[in-house]
Amino acid sequence: MRHKPATNQASTALVRPASLWVWGLPLLGVILWALPARAQTPSPLAEWQYSSGIQLQHLFEPSVPTWQVELGLGSQFAPVADGLNRYQVQPGPVIDVRYKDEFFFSTGEGLGVNLLSFRHIDMGAAITYDLGRSAHADGKALEGLGTIHPAPEVKFFATYALAEAFPLTLRLDVRRQIGATNGWVGDFGAYLPMPGSSAKFAWFAGPTVTAGDGRYMQGYFGVSQTQSYSTNYRQYKAAPGLKSAGFGVSAAWFLTPHWVIDMSAAYERLLGSAANSPITESKNEGVVSLSGLYKF
């Protein structure tokens, strides 16, 4: 499970920025171990929902705080696997640490660095993760299809905020799996602060589309000849292309300067090979995530 951080503000810590990488890599392993084993795939939350509002700091704040730290607990109600009808509650930790506009470590975005960071645009790279898919995710639905093991991903991303007068933010990310399907997957999305946002309440909404290459699509939605022999599914070759399109909403309530309630919801519809796969039970899926955070 991945969680989205709320809009961040300043905090202080006597740690050098390089140390983020020293403890960040082992901590990423700890978080992966702590995530519920029954969580099978990344949630239908859009990639932009994990960091909504961060890019807008460059537009509306004179300077980005040196340190921004959020810790908390959360849970999400999401499908056990893409295309399946069964849903479950998935609890997990929420961690979001940012040093200026240079480094970040987050259960939502992974361990990363902003290679280029300006008032309107951020470009960078990160190490994140795919939780894979268990063959026992939904009783007999996936039996015989084998397990897609959890695996790290290398992510490249770019975020662009248009202007103060119209703060539409565009987000593109591309991820390469190191294991799992060994495929490429990416998202393109946009979000906008919505009317009613204030110092105590902020919410954003916007669409997203997701696409994958042949390896990714075949791994999650295809059925090989061998798998067809051991299941009731016909052999199916999943083609590269669009996987899904959806819409998301994220909101944060600032109860005090330190305590925040964060809620996100998203709907997505599977498209193309994902929608037509014999594995797919439902083309429509959604997720609701709720977190309690403490801002240092």
Foldseek 3Di string as FASTA:
>chain_A
DFAADDAWAADDDPDDPVVCVVVQVVVQVVQLVQWDLLQAWPFPDALCRNYPPPLCCLAPPPFGHQKWWKWWKKWKWWQSAPQDPDIDITIGIWIWIDGGQAWIDTSSPATWGFPDHHSFKTKIKHKHKTQWGQCPSDNNLNPLLHTQHIFIKIKIKMKGFDHPVFGKIWIKMKIATPGRLRWIKIKIKIKGWDPPADPFKTKIKIKMWMWIAQSVQCRRFAADPSSVVVDVFDGGRAHTDTFKMKMKMKMWGRPDVFKIKIKMKMKIFTDGSNNPGPSRPGRIIMMIMIIIMTID
